[in-house]
Amino acid sequence: MKRVLIFLGIVAILIVGTFYLTNTNKNEPAKQKTDPFEISLSQINSNMDDGSLLIDVRAAKEYDADHAVGAVNIPVEDMQKGKYPNVKKDKIIYVYCHSGRRATQAKAILEQAGYDNVINLTSLYKWVAMGGKTDGSNPKCSVKSESSC
């Protein structure tokens, strides 16, 4: 009798567990992926068509030398002084720099300013690795030549 009760208890736990796992989070929206290699370039472009923003947070001189097609330049130094993008705070904002350090700072600044969906793409190099195009006087930025980005 004791074994039957234990068996029934285990079966009940399995049924409840299965029910719970199959019925949770169905009504919640999918969370935005934040790893740049989990986000497709086509998704980024689609989001940009819907009003999302791609921001190069490097200095203007770096931006002029080469930048992602479609990116606007708002240096992280300007963000530190209170210059923020002119988009609704719930829009997706993608940020990148040279190595990821300034993009990380920019992401933190924007989130502190109330922007809800900031994604750090890290670097122009990773943008190119995703298949993104660049526009500037240094079009040789490629996966093979990270230092040119």
N, C-alpha and C. Protein backbone atom coordinates (compact mmCIF):
# COMPACT_ATOMS: atom_id res chain seq x y z
N MET A 1 0.83 -1.20 0.00
CA MET A 1 0.00 0.00 0.00
C MET A 1 0.87 1.26 0.00
N LYS A 2 1.96 1.22 0.76
CA LYS A 2 2.85 2.36 0.86
C LYS A 2 3.49 2.64 -0.50
N ARG A 3 3.86 1.58 -1.23
CA ARG A 3 4.47 1.75 -2.56
C ARG A 3 3.47 2.35 -3.56
N VAL A 4 2.25 1.96 -3.47
CA VAL A 4 1.21 2.48 -4.36
C VAL A 4 1.03 3.98 -4.12
N LEU A 5 1.02 4.41 -2.86
CA LEU A 5 0.88 5.83 -2.55
C LEU A 5 2.08 6.63 -3.06
N ILE A 6 3.27 6.09 -2.90
CA ILE A 6 4.47 6.77 -3.40
C ILE A 6 4.40 6.89 -4.92
N PHE A 7 4.03 5.79 -5.58
CA PHE A 7 3.89 5.79 -7.03
C PHE A 7 2.86 6.82 -7.49
N LEU A 8 1.72 6.87 -6.85
CA LEU A 8 0.68 7.83 -7.20
C LEU A 8 1.15 9.27 -6.96
N GLY A 9 1.92 9.46 -5.91
CA GLY A 9 2.47 10.79 -5.61
C GLY A 9 3.42 11.25 -6.70
N ILE A 10 4.28 10.35 -7.15
CA ILE A 10 5.23 10.68 -8.22
C ILE A 10 4.49 10.98 -9.52
N VAL A 11 3.49 10.18 -9.84
CA VAL A 11 2.70 10.40 -11.05
C VAL A 11 1.99 11.76 -10.96
N ALA A 12 1.45 12.09 -9.81
CA ALA A 12 0.76 13.37 -9.63
C ALA A 12 1.73 14.53 -9.82
N ILE A 13 2.93 14.41 -9.29
CA ILE A 13 3.94 15.46 -9.43
C ILE A 13 4.32 15.63 -10.90
N LEU A 14 4.50 14.53 -11.61
CA LEU A 14 4.84 14.59 -13.03
C LEU A 14 3.73 15.25 -13.85
N ILE A 15 2.49 14.91 -13.55
CA ILE A 15 1.36 15.49 -14.28
C ILE A 15 1.27 16.99 -14.02
N VAL A 16 1.37 17.38 -12.76
CA VAL A 16 1.31 18.80 -12.41
C VAL A 16 2.49 19.55 -13.05
N GLY A 17 3.69 18.97 -12.98
CA GLY A 17 4.87 19.60 -13.57
C GLY A 17 4.73 19.78 -15.06
N THR A 18 4.26 18.77 -15.75
CA THR A 18 4.06 18.85 -17.20
C THR A 18 3.01 19.90 -17.53
N PHE A 19 1.93 19.93 -16.80
CA PHE A 19 0.89 20.93 -17.02
C PHE A 19 1.44 22.35 -16.83
N TYR A 20 2.22 22.53 -15.78
CA TYR A 20 2.80 23.83 -15.47
C TYR A 20 3.73 24.29 -16.59
N LEU A 21 4.62 23.40 -17.03
CA LEU A 21 5.59 23.77 -18.06
C LEU A 21 4.94 24.07 -19.40
N THR A 22 3.88 23.39 -19.73
CA THR A 22 3.23 23.63 -21.02
C THR A 22 2.29 24.82 -21.01
N ASN A 23 1.93 25.33 -19.84
CA ASN A 23 0.95 26.42 -19.79
C ASN A 23 1.49 27.74 -19.27
N THR A 24 2.77 27.82 -18.96
CA THR A 24 3.31 29.08 -18.47
C THR A 24 3.87 29.89 -19.63
N ASN A 25 3.82 31.19 -19.49
CA ASN A 25 4.40 32.17 -20.41
C ASN A 25 3.78 32.15 -21.81
N LYS A 26 2.62 31.55 -22.01
CA LYS A 26 2.02 31.57 -23.34
C LYS A 26 1.50 32.95 -23.70
N ASN A 27 1.10 33.72 -22.73
CA ASN A 27 0.55 35.04 -23.02
C ASN A 27 1.58 36.15 -22.90
N GLU A 28 2.80 35.81 -22.53
CA GLU A 28 3.84 36.82 -22.41
C GLU A 28 4.55 36.96 -23.75
N PRO A 29 4.89 38.19 -24.14
CA PRO A 29 5.62 38.36 -25.40
C PRO A 29 7.02 37.77 -25.29
N ALA A 30 7.53 37.34 -26.41
CA ALA A 30 8.89 36.79 -26.43
C ALA A 30 9.87 37.91 -26.09
N LYS A 31 10.86 37.59 -25.29
CA LYS A 31 11.85 38.60 -24.94
C LYS A 31 12.79 38.82 -26.11
N GLN A 32 13.25 40.06 -26.25
CA GLN A 32 14.17 40.41 -27.31
C GLN A 32 15.51 39.74 -27.03
N LYS A 33 16.08 39.11 -28.04
CA LYS A 33 17.39 38.49 -27.89
C LYS A 33 18.41 39.59 -27.75
N THR A 34 19.41 39.36 -26.91
CA THR A 34 20.38 40.42 -26.67
C THR A 34 21.78 40.04 -27.11
N ASP A 35 22.02 38.80 -27.48
CA ASP A 35 23.32 38.41 -28.00
C ASP A 35 23.33 38.77 -29.48
N PRO A 36 24.30 39.61 -29.92
CA PRO A 36 24.27 40.05 -31.31
C PRO A 36 24.29 38.90 -32.32
N PHE A 37 24.86 37.77 -31.97
CA PHE A 37 24.89 36.67 -32.90
C PHE A 37 23.61 35.84 -32.85
N GLU A 38 22.73 36.11 -31.90
CA GLU A 38 21.41 35.48 -31.87
C GLU A 38 20.39 36.33 -32.64
N ILE A 39 20.74 37.57 -32.91
CA ILE A 39 19.86 38.48 -33.62
C ILE A 39 20.29 38.45 -35.09
N SER A 40 19.35 38.25 -35.97
CA SER A 40 19.70 38.24 -37.39
C SER A 40 19.75 39.66 -37.94
N LEU A 41 20.56 39.83 -38.95
CA LEU A 41 20.65 41.13 -39.61
C LEU A 41 19.31 41.50 -40.22
N SER A 42 18.59 40.53 -40.74
CA SER A 42 17.27 40.84 -41.32
C SER A 42 16.30 41.32 -40.24
N GLN A 43 16.41 40.78 -39.03
CA GLN A 43 15.55 41.24 -37.93
C GLN A 43 15.90 42.67 -37.54
N ILE A 44 17.19 42.96 -37.48
CA ILE A 44 17.61 44.33 -37.17
C ILE A 44 17.09 45.29 -38.23
N ASN A 45 17.28 44.94 -39.51
CA ASN A 45 16.80 45.80 -40.59
C ASN A 45 15.30 45.97 -40.55
N SER A 46 14.58 44.91 -40.26
CA SER A 46 13.12 44.99 -40.15
C SER A 46 12.73 45.92 -39.00
N ASN A 47 13.41 45.78 -37.87
CA ASN A 47 13.13 46.66 -36.73
C ASN A 47 13.45 48.11 -37.07
N MET A 48 14.52 48.34 -37.83
CA MET A 48 14.86 49.70 -38.22
C MET A 48 13.80 50.28 -39.15
N ASP A 49 13.22 49.43 -40.01
CA ASP A 49 12.12 49.89 -40.87
C ASP A 49 10.91 50.30 -40.04
N ASP A 50 10.78 49.73 -38.84
CA ASP A 50 9.67 50.03 -37.94
C ASP A 50 10.01 51.13 -36.94
N GLY A 51 11.13 51.81 -37.13
CA GLY A 51 11.47 52.94 -36.27
C GLY A 51 12.55 52.70 -35.24
N SER A 52 13.12 51.49 -35.24
CA SER A 52 14.25 51.25 -34.33
C SER A 52 15.47 52.00 -34.84
N LEU A 53 16.46 52.12 -33.99
CA LEU A 53 17.61 52.96 -34.30
C LEU A 53 18.90 52.20 -34.11
N LEU A 54 19.84 52.40 -35.02
CA LEU A 54 21.19 51.86 -34.92
C LEU A 54 22.12 53.03 -34.65
N ILE A 55 22.81 53.00 -33.51
CA ILE A 55 23.65 54.13 -33.11
C ILE A 55 25.11 53.70 -33.02
N ASP A 56 25.96 54.42 -33.71
CA ASP A 56 27.41 54.29 -33.59
C ASP A 56 27.80 55.27 -32.48
N VAL A 57 28.33 54.77 -31.38
CA VAL A 57 28.62 55.63 -30.23
C VAL A 57 30.09 56.06 -30.18
N ARG A 58 30.81 55.83 -31.27
CA ARG A 58 32.20 56.26 -31.34
C ARG A 58 32.28 57.76 -31.63
N ALA A 59 33.47 58.30 -31.60
CA ALA A 59 33.69 59.71 -31.92
C ALA A 59 33.34 59.97 -33.38
N ALA A 60 33.01 61.22 -33.69
CA ALA A 60 32.61 61.59 -35.05
C ALA A 60 33.68 61.24 -36.08
N LYS A 61 34.94 61.40 -35.73
CA LYS A 61 36.04 61.09 -36.64
C LYS A 61 36.05 59.60 -36.99
N GLU A 62 35.79 58.75 -36.00
CA GLU A 62 35.73 57.31 -36.24
C GLU A 62 34.53 56.97 -37.12
N TYR A 63 33.41 57.60 -36.83
CA TYR A 63 32.18 57.38 -37.60
C TYR A 63 32.40 57.79 -39.06
N ASP A 64 33.05 58.94 -39.28
CA ASP A 64 33.29 59.41 -40.64
C ASP A 64 34.20 58.46 -41.41
N ALA A 65 35.13 57.81 -40.71
CA ALA A 65 36.04 56.88 -41.38
C ALA A 65 35.31 55.64 -41.87
N ASP A 66 34.37 55.14 -41.10
CA ASP A 66 33.59 53.97 -41.49
C ASP A 66 32.52 53.73 -40.45
N HIS A 67 31.35 53.35 -40.91
CA HIS A 67 30.24 53.07 -40.00
C HIS A 67 29.24 52.14 -40.66
N ALA A 68 28.39 51.54 -39.87
CA ALA A 68 27.35 50.65 -40.39
C ALA A 68 26.35 51.45 -41.21
N VAL A 69 25.94 50.87 -42.33
CA VAL A 69 24.93 51.50 -43.16
C VAL A 69 23.64 51.63 -42.33
N GLY A 70 23.10 52.84 -42.29
CA GLY A 70 21.88 53.10 -41.54
C GLY A 70 22.11 53.61 -40.13
N ALA A 71 23.37 53.63 -39.70
CA ALA A 71 23.67 54.08 -38.34
C ALA A 71 23.72 55.60 -38.26
N VAL A 72 23.31 56.11 -37.10
CA VAL A 72 23.50 57.52 -36.79
C VAL A 72 24.60 57.61 -35.75
N ASN A 73 25.24 58.74 -35.69
CA ASN A 73 26.35 58.91 -34.75
C ASN A 73 25.93 59.77 -33.57
N ILE A 74 25.92 59.15 -32.40
CA ILE A 74 25.76 59.88 -31.14
C ILE A 74 26.87 59.36 -30.23
N PRO A 75 27.99 60.09 -30.16
CA PRO A 75 29.09 59.62 -29.33
C PRO A 75 28.69 59.43 -27.87
N VAL A 76 29.26 58.43 -27.24
CA VAL A 76 28.93 58.14 -25.85
C VAL A 76 29.23 59.36 -24.97
N GLU A 77 30.24 60.14 -25.34
CA GLU A 77 30.56 61.34 -24.58
C GLU A 77 29.39 62.32 -24.60
N ASP A 78 28.69 62.41 -25.73
CA ASP A 78 27.52 63.28 -25.83
C ASP A 78 26.37 62.74 -24.98
N MET A 79 26.22 61.41 -24.97
CA MET A 79 25.18 60.81 -24.14
C MET A 79 25.44 61.09 -22.66
N GLN A 80 26.71 61.08 -22.28
CA GLN A 80 27.06 61.38 -20.89
C GLN A 80 26.67 62.80 -20.53
N LYS A 81 26.58 63.67 -21.53
CA LYS A 81 26.19 65.06 -21.32
C LYS A 81 24.69 65.29 -21.49
N GLY A 82 23.95 64.19 -21.74
CA GLY A 82 22.50 64.31 -21.83
C GLY A 82 21.91 64.33 -23.23
N LYS A 83 22.72 64.11 -24.25
CA LYS A 83 22.18 64.05 -25.61
C LYS A 83 21.72 62.62 -25.88
N TYR A 84 20.42 62.48 -26.10
CA TYR A 84 19.84 61.16 -26.32
C TYR A 84 19.18 61.09 -27.69
N PRO A 85 18.96 59.89 -28.18
CA PRO A 85 18.30 59.77 -29.49
C PRO A 85 16.87 60.26 -29.44
N ASN A 86 16.40 60.73 -30.57
CA ASN A 86 15.05 61.27 -30.67
C ASN A 86 14.10 60.17 -31.16
N VAL A 87 13.91 59.15 -30.32
CA VAL A 87 12.95 58.07 -30.61
C VAL A 87 12.17 57.79 -29.33
N LYS A 88 11.02 57.16 -29.51
CA LYS A 88 10.24 56.78 -28.34
C LYS A 88 11.06 55.82 -27.49
N LYS A 89 10.87 55.92 -26.19
CA LYS A 89 11.69 55.15 -25.26
C LYS A 89 11.43 53.65 -25.29
N ASP A 90 10.34 53.23 -25.95
CA ASP A 90 10.08 51.80 -26.04
C ASP A 90 10.60 51.19 -27.34
N LYS A 91 11.15 52.01 -28.24
CA LYS A 91 11.71 51.50 -29.49
C LYS A 91 13.02 50.77 -29.22
N ILE A 92 13.33 49.82 -30.08
CA ILE A 92 14.60 49.11 -29.95
C ILE A 92 15.72 50.02 -30.44
N ILE A 93 16.78 50.10 -29.64
CA ILE A 93 17.96 50.86 -30.00
C ILE A 93 19.15 49.89 -29.99
N TYR A 94 19.86 49.82 -31.11
CA TYR A 94 21.07 49.02 -31.21
C TYR A 94 22.26 49.96 -31.10
N VAL A 95 23.25 49.60 -30.29
CA VAL A 95 24.44 50.42 -30.15
C VAL A 95 25.68 49.58 -30.46
N TYR A 96 26.69 50.24 -31.01
CA TYR A 96 27.98 49.58 -31.24
C TYR A 96 29.07 50.62 -31.19
N CYS A 97 30.31 50.15 -31.03
CA CYS A 97 31.47 51.03 -31.06
C CYS A 97 32.62 50.27 -31.73
N HIS A 98 33.82 50.45 -31.23
CA HIS A 98 34.98 49.76 -31.80
C HIS A 98 35.20 48.40 -31.15
N SER A 99 35.17 48.37 -29.83
CA SER A 99 35.47 47.11 -29.12
C SER A 99 34.32 46.62 -28.25
N GLY A 100 33.35 47.47 -27.98
CA GLY A 100 32.23 47.11 -27.12
C GLY A 100 32.20 47.86 -25.80
N ARG A 101 33.31 48.46 -25.41
CA ARG A 101 33.37 49.17 -24.13
C ARG A 101 32.45 50.39 -24.11
N ARG A 102 32.55 51.24 -25.11
CA ARG A 102 31.70 52.43 -25.16
C ARG A 102 30.24 52.08 -25.41
N ALA A 103 30.01 51.01 -26.18
CA ALA A 103 28.63 50.57 -26.41
C ALA A 103 28.01 50.09 -25.09
N THR A 104 28.79 49.43 -24.26
CA THR A 104 28.31 49.00 -22.95
C THR A 104 27.96 50.22 -22.09
N GLN A 105 28.81 51.24 -22.14
CA GLN A 105 28.53 52.47 -21.40
C GLN A 105 27.26 53.14 -21.93
N ALA A 106 27.14 53.21 -23.25
CA ALA A 106 25.98 53.85 -23.87
C ALA A 106 24.70 53.11 -23.50
N LYS A 107 24.75 51.80 -23.51
CA LYS A 107 23.58 51.00 -23.15
C LYS A 107 23.14 51.35 -21.73
N ALA A 108 24.09 51.41 -20.81
CA ALA A 108 23.77 51.73 -19.41
C ALA A 108 23.19 53.14 -19.29
N ILE A 109 23.77 54.10 -20.01
CA ILE A 109 23.29 55.48 -19.96
C ILE A 109 21.86 55.57 -20.49
N LEU A 110 21.61 54.92 -21.62
CA LEU A 110 20.28 54.97 -22.23
C LEU A 110 19.24 54.29 -21.34
N GLU A 111 19.60 53.16 -20.77
CA GLU A 111 18.67 52.48 -19.87
C GLU A 111 18.37 53.32 -18.64
N GLN A 112 19.38 54.00 -18.13
CA GLN A 112 19.18 54.88 -16.97
C GLN A 112 18.27 56.05 -17.34
N ALA A 113 18.31 56.45 -18.63
CA ALA A 113 17.47 57.56 -19.10
C ALA A 113 16.05 57.10 -19.45
N GLY A 114 15.78 55.79 -19.29
CA GLY A 114 14.43 55.29 -19.49
C GLY A 114 14.17 54.55 -20.79
N TYR A 115 15.19 54.36 -21.61
CA TYR A 115 15.01 53.58 -22.84
C TYR A 115 14.97 52.10 -22.45
N ASP A 116 13.90 51.43 -22.89
CA ASP A 116 13.62 50.07 -22.42
C ASP A 116 14.30 48.95 -23.20
N ASN A 117 14.58 49.18 -24.48
CA ASN A 117 15.05 48.10 -25.35
C ASN A 117 16.37 48.45 -26.03
N VAL A 118 17.44 48.50 -25.25
CA VAL A 118 18.75 48.83 -25.80
C VAL A 118 19.54 47.54 -25.92
N ILE A 119 20.06 47.31 -27.13
CA ILE A 119 20.81 46.09 -27.40
C ILE A 119 22.22 46.47 -27.83
N ASN A 120 23.20 45.90 -27.14
CA ASN A 120 24.59 46.16 -27.43
C ASN A 120 25.08 45.18 -28.50
N LEU A 121 25.32 45.69 -29.69
CA LEU A 121 25.88 44.85 -30.76
C LEU A 121 27.39 44.76 -30.65
N THR A 122 27.96 45.40 -29.70
CA THR A 122 29.38 45.48 -29.36
C THR A 122 30.18 46.29 -30.37
N SER A 123 30.53 45.71 -31.52
CA SER A 123 31.49 46.41 -32.38
C SER A 123 31.06 46.42 -33.84
N LEU A 124 31.68 47.32 -34.60
CA LEU A 124 31.47 47.37 -36.03
C LEU A 124 31.92 46.05 -36.65
N TYR A 125 32.95 45.48 -36.09
CA TYR A 125 33.44 44.18 -36.55
C TYR A 125 32.35 43.12 -36.46
N LYS A 126 31.62 43.08 -35.37
CA LYS A 126 30.55 42.09 -35.24
C LYS A 126 29.39 42.41 -36.18
N TRP A 127 29.15 43.69 -36.43
CA TRP A 127 28.13 44.08 -37.41
C TRP A 127 28.49 43.47 -38.77
N VAL A 128 29.75 43.60 -39.17
CA VAL A 128 30.20 43.05 -40.44
C VAL A 128 30.13 41.53 -40.42
N ALA A 129 30.49 40.92 -39.29
CA ALA A 129 30.43 39.46 -39.15
C ALA A 129 29.01 38.95 -39.32
N MET A 130 28.03 39.78 -38.96
CA MET A 130 26.62 39.41 -39.12
C MET A 130 26.17 39.56 -40.57
N GLY A 131 27.00 40.19 -41.39
CA GLY A 131 26.65 40.42 -42.78
C GLY A 131 26.28 41.86 -43.07
N GLY A 132 26.42 42.73 -42.06
CA GLY A 132 26.10 44.14 -42.23
C GLY A 132 27.10 44.86 -43.11
N LYS A 133 26.61 45.83 -43.83
CA LYS A 133 27.44 46.63 -44.73
C LYS A 133 27.93 47.87 -43.99
N THR A 134 29.06 48.40 -44.48
CA THR A 134 29.59 49.64 -43.92
C THR A 134 29.58 50.71 -44.99
N ASP A 135 29.66 51.96 -44.52
CA ASP A 135 29.62 53.10 -45.42
C ASP A 135 30.60 54.14 -44.89
N GLY A 136 31.65 54.36 -45.62
CA GLY A 136 32.63 55.33 -45.19
C GLY A 136 33.87 55.24 -46.05
N SER A 137 34.91 55.91 -45.65
CA SER A 137 36.13 55.91 -46.43
C SER A 137 36.96 54.65 -46.21
N ASN A 138 36.53 53.77 -45.32
CA ASN A 138 37.27 52.54 -45.03
C ASN A 138 36.38 51.33 -45.29
N PRO A 139 36.03 51.04 -46.54
CA PRO A 139 35.10 49.95 -46.82
C PRO A 139 35.70 48.56 -46.67
N LYS A 140 36.95 48.46 -46.28
CA LYS A 140 37.60 47.16 -46.17
C LYS A 140 37.40 46.51 -44.81
N CYS A 141 36.52 47.06 -43.99
CA CYS A 141 36.22 46.45 -42.70
C CYS A 141 35.62 45.07 -42.97
N SER A 142 36.28 44.06 -42.49
CA SER A 142 35.79 42.71 -42.76
C SER A 142 36.10 41.81 -41.58
N VAL A 143 35.56 40.62 -41.64
CA VAL A 143 35.79 39.65 -40.58
C VAL A 143 37.27 39.30 -40.52
N LYS A 144 37.95 39.32 -41.67
CA LYS A 144 39.37 38.97 -41.72
C LYS A 144 40.25 40.06 -41.12
N SER A 145 39.75 41.28 -41.07
CA SER A 145 40.57 42.41 -40.65
C SER A 145 39.87 43.20 -39.57
N GLU A 146 39.82 42.66 -38.36
CA GLU A 146 39.12 43.32 -37.27
C GLU A 146 39.70 44.70 -36.97
N SER A 147 41.01 44.86 -37.13
CA SER A 147 41.64 46.13 -36.76
C SER A 147 41.20 47.27 -37.65
N SER A 148 40.66 46.99 -38.84
CA SER A 148 40.22 48.07 -39.73
C SER A 148 38.85 48.60 -39.36
N CYS A 149 38.19 47.96 -38.42
CA CYS A 149 36.83 48.37 -38.08
C CYS A 149 36.84 49.45 -37.02
